[in-house]
């Protein structure tokens, strides 16, 4: 179930003018989803679902927002790399 929230932002006039032609709601949703992903509050799959994109399309977006695609400690990564590949 979706719930619609309305936000109000105060921006300097020159910034508001520059952004007038952009889809601010879409940009705000994108930024919020990326921050929730960075905070580990949602999964990559959920982030892609919320943005209406595939996980493959999500990775470049994560890079743009500097959200790590692989978020493991060095030890966790070492452990994953030593696991046998399922066949």
Protein backbone atom coordinates (compact mmCIF):
# COMPACT_ATOMS: atom_id res chain seq x y z
CA UNK A 1 0.00 0.00 0.00
CA UNK A 2 1.32 3.43 -0.92
CA UNK A 3 0.91 6.55 1.14
CA UNK A 4 1.30 9.96 -0.46
CA UNK A 5 3.28 12.55 1.49
CA UNK A 6 3.56 16.21 0.59
CA UNK A 7 6.74 18.09 1.38
CA UNK A 8 7.40 21.79 1.25
CA UNK A 9 10.86 23.16 0.53
CA UNK A 10 12.18 26.67 0.82
CA UNK A 11 14.81 27.41 -1.82
CA UNK A 12 16.64 30.55 -2.81
CA UNK A 13 14.77 32.20 -5.68
CA UNK A 14 17.62 31.75 -8.18
CA UNK A 15 17.79 28.02 -7.43
CA UNK A 16 14.01 27.65 -7.69
CA UNK A 17 14.12 29.39 -11.08
CA UNK A 18 16.92 27.13 -12.30
CA UNK A 19 15.02 24.02 -11.22
CA UNK A 20 11.60 25.07 -12.48
CA UNK A 21 11.75 22.83 -15.58
CA UNK A 22 12.99 19.76 -13.73
CA UNK A 23 10.81 17.10 -12.14
CA UNK A 24 11.61 17.92 -8.52
CA UNK A 25 9.33 15.25 -7.07
CA UNK A 26 11.18 12.58 -9.04
CA UNK A 27 14.58 13.95 -8.00
CA UNK A 28 13.52 14.12 -4.34
CA UNK A 29 12.23 10.52 -4.45
CA UNK A 30 15.48 9.37 -6.07
CA UNK A 31 17.62 11.15 -3.46
CA UNK A 32 15.52 9.80 -0.57
CA UNK A 33 15.67 6.23 -1.86
CA UNK A 34 19.44 6.48 -2.32
CA UNK A 35 19.86 7.77 1.23
CA UNK A 36 17.69 4.96 2.65
CA UNK A 37 19.82 2.49 0.69
CA UNK A 38 23.05 4.06 2.00
CA UNK A 39 21.68 3.75 5.56
CA UNK A 40 20.80 0.05 4.97
CA UNK A 41 17.15 0.78 5.67
CA UNK A 42 16.07 -0.76 2.35
CA UNK A 43 17.57 -3.37 0.03
CA UNK A 44 18.82 -2.81 -3.51
CA UNK A 45 15.80 -4.73 -4.78
CA UNK A 46 13.41 -2.50 -2.82
CA UNK A 47 15.23 0.63 -4.00
CA UNK A 48 14.87 -0.47 -7.63
CA UNK A 49 11.20 -1.28 -7.06
CA UNK A 50 10.50 2.11 -5.45
CA UNK A 51 12.17 3.90 -8.38
CA UNK A 52 10.48 1.72 -10.99
CA UNK A 53 13.78 0.55 -12.48
CA UNK A 54 15.71 -2.73 -12.74
CA UNK A 55 18.59 -3.56 -10.42
CA UNK A 56 20.89 -3.27 -13.44
CA UNK A 57 19.70 0.32 -13.90
CA UNK A 58 20.10 0.94 -10.17
CA UNK A 59 23.89 0.39 -10.11
CA UNK A 60 24.86 3.48 -12.18
CA UNK A 61 22.47 5.54 -10.05
CA UNK A 62 24.13 4.24 -6.89
CA UNK A 63 27.49 5.21 -8.35
CA UNK A 64 26.21 8.73 -9.10
CA UNK A 65 25.02 9.08 -5.49
CA UNK A 66 28.22 7.43 -4.20
CA UNK A 67 26.35 4.53 -2.61
CA UNK A 68 28.51 1.43 -2.50
CA UNK A 69 27.20 -1.39 -4.70
CA UNK A 70 29.08 -3.97 -2.62
CA UNK A 71 28.84 -2.98 1.02
CA UNK A 72 30.92 -5.59 2.83
CA UNK A 73 33.78 -5.30 5.26
CA UNK A 74 37.12 -6.66 4.08
CA UNK A 75 36.58 -9.78 6.19
CA UNK A 76 33.06 -10.36 4.84
CA UNK A 77 34.35 -9.95 1.28
CA UNK A 78 37.22 -12.41 1.93
CA UNK A 79 34.72 -14.91 3.34
CA UNK A 80 32.42 -14.55 0.33
CA UNK A 81 35.30 -14.95 -2.12
CA UNK A 82 36.46 -18.20 -0.49
CA UNK A 83 33.03 -19.85 -0.66
CA UNK A 84 32.65 -22.53 -3.34
CA UNK A 85 30.54 -21.56 -6.34
CA UNK A 86 27.23 -23.48 -6.30
CA UNK A 87 26.75 -25.69 -9.33
